[in-house]
Structures are given as structure tokens and as C-alpha cells.
N, C-alpha and C. Protein backbone atom coordinates (compact mmCIF):
# COMPACT_ATOMS: atom_id res chain seq x y z
N MET A 1 40.78 -38.68 -134.44
CA MET A 1 40.33 -39.93 -135.00
C MET A 1 40.58 -39.93 -136.50
N ARG A 2 40.95 -41.10 -136.98
CA ARG A 2 41.14 -41.21 -138.42
C ARG A 2 40.18 -42.27 -138.95
N GLU A 3 39.87 -42.17 -140.21
CA GLU A 3 38.96 -43.12 -140.82
C GLU A 3 39.67 -44.43 -141.12
N LEU A 4 38.93 -45.53 -141.02
CA LEU A 4 39.47 -46.84 -141.34
C LEU A 4 39.12 -47.20 -142.77
N SER A 5 40.04 -47.88 -143.41
CA SER A 5 39.76 -48.34 -144.77
C SER A 5 39.06 -49.69 -144.71
N PHE A 6 38.47 -50.11 -145.83
CA PHE A 6 37.82 -51.42 -145.89
C PHE A 6 38.83 -52.54 -145.68
N THR A 7 40.05 -52.35 -146.12
CA THR A 7 41.09 -53.36 -145.93
C THR A 7 41.38 -53.55 -144.44
N GLU A 8 41.47 -52.45 -143.70
CA GLU A 8 41.72 -52.53 -142.27
C GLU A 8 40.54 -53.20 -141.55
N LEU A 9 39.33 -52.86 -141.96
CA LEU A 9 38.15 -53.47 -141.34
C LEU A 9 38.08 -54.96 -141.64
N ASP A 10 38.43 -55.37 -142.85
CA ASP A 10 38.41 -56.78 -143.21
C ASP A 10 39.46 -57.59 -142.44
N SER A 11 40.54 -56.94 -142.02
CA SER A 11 41.60 -57.66 -141.30
C SER A 11 41.28 -57.84 -139.82
N GLU A 12 40.24 -57.17 -139.31
CA GLU A 12 39.86 -57.30 -137.90
C GLU A 12 39.26 -58.67 -137.63
N ARG A 13 39.56 -59.25 -136.46
CA ARG A 13 39.05 -60.55 -136.07
C ARG A 13 38.46 -60.44 -134.67
N THR A 14 37.47 -61.27 -134.42
CA THR A 14 36.87 -61.33 -133.09
C THR A 14 37.00 -62.74 -132.54
N GLU A 15 36.93 -62.84 -131.24
CA GLU A 15 37.01 -64.13 -130.58
C GLU A 15 35.96 -64.16 -129.48
N LEU A 16 35.16 -65.21 -129.44
CA LEU A 16 34.14 -65.34 -128.41
C LEU A 16 34.77 -65.79 -127.11
N LEU A 17 34.26 -65.24 -126.03
CA LEU A 17 34.72 -65.65 -124.71
C LEU A 17 34.08 -66.97 -124.34
N PRO A 18 34.72 -67.78 -123.51
CA PRO A 18 34.11 -69.05 -123.10
C PRO A 18 32.84 -68.78 -122.28
N THR A 19 31.87 -69.67 -122.42
CA THR A 19 30.62 -69.49 -121.67
C THR A 19 30.84 -69.82 -120.21
N ARG A 20 30.06 -69.18 -119.37
CA ARG A 20 30.09 -69.50 -117.94
C ARG A 20 28.72 -69.19 -117.35
N GLU A 21 28.39 -69.90 -116.32
CA GLU A 21 27.12 -69.70 -115.64
C GLU A 21 27.24 -68.49 -114.72
N THR A 22 26.19 -67.68 -114.66
CA THR A 22 26.20 -66.53 -113.77
C THR A 22 25.05 -66.64 -112.77
N LEU A 23 25.20 -65.93 -111.69
CA LEU A 23 24.22 -65.89 -110.62
C LEU A 23 23.85 -67.28 -110.11
N THR A 24 24.84 -68.13 -109.96
CA THR A 24 24.63 -69.45 -109.36
C THR A 24 25.46 -69.54 -108.10
N PHE A 25 25.08 -70.43 -107.21
CA PHE A 25 25.81 -70.57 -105.96
C PHE A 25 26.93 -71.59 -106.06
N GLY A 26 26.96 -72.37 -107.13
CA GLY A 26 27.96 -73.42 -107.25
C GLY A 26 29.37 -72.90 -107.47
N ASN A 27 29.54 -71.75 -108.11
CA ASN A 27 30.89 -71.27 -108.40
C ASN A 27 31.17 -69.88 -107.81
N TYR A 28 30.43 -69.50 -106.79
CA TYR A 28 30.63 -68.24 -106.08
C TYR A 28 30.44 -67.00 -106.94
N ASN A 29 29.76 -67.14 -108.07
CA ASN A 29 29.52 -65.98 -108.93
C ASN A 29 28.05 -65.59 -108.80
N TRP A 30 27.73 -64.81 -107.78
CA TRP A 30 26.35 -64.46 -107.51
C TRP A 30 26.27 -63.03 -107.00
N ALA A 31 25.07 -62.48 -107.02
CA ALA A 31 24.83 -61.15 -106.48
C ALA A 31 23.55 -61.17 -105.66
N ASN A 32 23.59 -60.59 -104.49
CA ASN A 32 22.43 -60.49 -103.61
C ASN A 32 22.03 -59.03 -103.54
N ILE A 33 20.79 -58.71 -103.91
CA ILE A 33 20.33 -57.32 -103.93
C ILE A 33 19.11 -57.19 -103.02
N VAL A 34 19.16 -56.24 -102.11
CA VAL A 34 18.05 -55.97 -101.20
C VAL A 34 17.72 -54.49 -101.32
N ALA A 35 16.45 -54.19 -101.59
CA ALA A 35 16.02 -52.79 -101.72
C ALA A 35 14.86 -52.52 -100.78
N SER A 36 14.82 -51.34 -100.21
CA SER A 36 13.76 -50.97 -99.28
C SER A 36 13.38 -49.51 -99.51
N ASN A 37 12.09 -49.26 -99.64
CA ASN A 37 11.57 -47.89 -99.75
C ASN A 37 10.55 -47.68 -98.65
N SER A 38 10.61 -46.55 -97.98
CA SER A 38 9.63 -46.27 -96.94
C SER A 38 9.36 -44.77 -96.88
N SER A 39 8.14 -44.43 -96.48
CA SER A 39 7.76 -43.03 -96.36
C SER A 39 6.72 -42.90 -95.26
N MET A 40 6.74 -41.77 -94.57
CA MET A 40 5.76 -41.52 -93.52
C MET A 40 5.32 -40.07 -93.60
N ALA A 41 4.02 -39.83 -93.49
CA ALA A 41 3.48 -38.47 -93.51
C ALA A 41 2.56 -38.27 -92.33
N LEU A 42 2.49 -37.04 -91.83
CA LEU A 42 1.64 -36.72 -90.69
C LEU A 42 0.95 -35.40 -90.97
N ASN A 43 -0.37 -35.39 -90.82
CA ASN A 43 -1.15 -34.17 -90.95
C ASN A 43 -2.11 -34.13 -89.78
N ALA A 44 -2.05 -33.06 -89.00
CA ALA A 44 -2.86 -32.97 -87.78
C ALA A 44 -4.33 -32.67 -88.09
N ALA A 45 -4.68 -32.37 -89.33
CA ALA A 45 -6.08 -32.14 -89.75
C ALA A 45 -6.75 -31.03 -88.96
N SER A 46 -6.03 -30.02 -88.64
CA SER A 46 -6.62 -28.88 -87.96
C SER A 46 -6.41 -27.64 -88.82
N LEU A 47 -7.03 -26.54 -88.43
CA LEU A 47 -6.92 -25.29 -89.18
C LEU A 47 -5.46 -24.87 -89.27
N TYR A 48 -5.03 -24.54 -90.47
CA TYR A 48 -3.65 -24.14 -90.75
C TYR A 48 -2.64 -25.29 -90.52
N ALA A 49 -3.09 -26.50 -90.67
CA ALA A 49 -2.21 -27.64 -90.47
C ALA A 49 -1.22 -27.75 -91.64
N VAL A 50 -0.05 -28.25 -91.36
CA VAL A 50 0.98 -28.45 -92.36
C VAL A 50 1.35 -29.93 -92.37
N ALA A 51 1.39 -30.52 -93.55
CA ALA A 51 1.77 -31.93 -93.65
C ALA A 51 3.26 -32.02 -93.92
N ASN A 52 3.94 -32.83 -93.17
CA ASN A 52 5.36 -33.09 -93.36
C ASN A 52 5.54 -34.54 -93.74
N SER A 53 6.49 -34.79 -94.61
CA SER A 53 6.75 -36.16 -95.03
C SER A 53 8.25 -36.38 -95.12
N ALA A 54 8.65 -37.58 -94.77
CA ALA A 54 10.05 -37.96 -94.89
C ALA A 54 10.10 -39.30 -95.63
N ALA A 55 11.04 -39.44 -96.53
CA ALA A 55 11.18 -40.69 -97.31
C ALA A 55 12.63 -41.13 -97.26
N ALA A 56 12.81 -42.44 -97.29
CA ALA A 56 14.15 -43.01 -97.29
C ALA A 56 14.21 -44.18 -98.25
N GLN A 57 15.35 -44.37 -98.88
CA GLN A 57 15.55 -45.48 -99.79
C GLN A 57 16.92 -46.08 -99.50
N THR A 58 16.97 -47.41 -99.44
CA THR A 58 18.22 -48.12 -99.19
C THR A 58 18.35 -49.25 -100.19
N ILE A 59 19.52 -49.35 -100.83
CA ILE A 59 19.82 -50.45 -101.74
C ILE A 59 21.18 -51.02 -101.35
N VAL A 60 21.21 -52.32 -101.08
CA VAL A 60 22.43 -53.00 -100.69
C VAL A 60 22.72 -54.09 -101.71
N VAL A 61 23.92 -54.09 -102.28
CA VAL A 61 24.31 -55.10 -103.26
C VAL A 61 25.55 -55.81 -102.72
N THR A 62 25.46 -57.14 -102.63
CA THR A 62 26.58 -57.96 -102.18
C THR A 62 26.90 -58.93 -103.30
N GLN A 63 28.14 -58.98 -103.72
CA GLN A 63 28.53 -59.87 -104.81
C GLN A 63 29.65 -60.77 -104.34
N GLY A 64 29.53 -62.04 -104.68
CA GLY A 64 30.55 -62.99 -104.25
C GLY A 64 31.20 -63.66 -105.41
């Protein structure tokens, strides 16, 4: 990497992008997100019982 001079920085230009609506159904620019978390545990509540648990997570993203 090399350092930039003030002259080089002053010569830089930016341009704004045109505005557009997002996440609307009118122009097919949308995202559908569905998330699900679940867990189940079982303990027999007896002498020397061991509790086991299983957890699952699912995230589905659909973009059009």
C-alpha cells in the first residue's frame, strides 16, 4: 500500500446510486425469512437419572 497525497484525495469523486424501494412486493425485490427454534428434555426423576436434551434450529431465507 502506498500513501495518498491530498491532491489525489481532492480529485476523488463520488456518485449517489438512484433510490429504489426494498422489501416490497410491487417490484419483486423482497425477502421472506422463517426461523424456528425447538428443544426437548427428558428426566425420569429417579435415582441416578440422567437428563438428555436435543435442540434444533432452522432458518430459511427466500429472496425474490
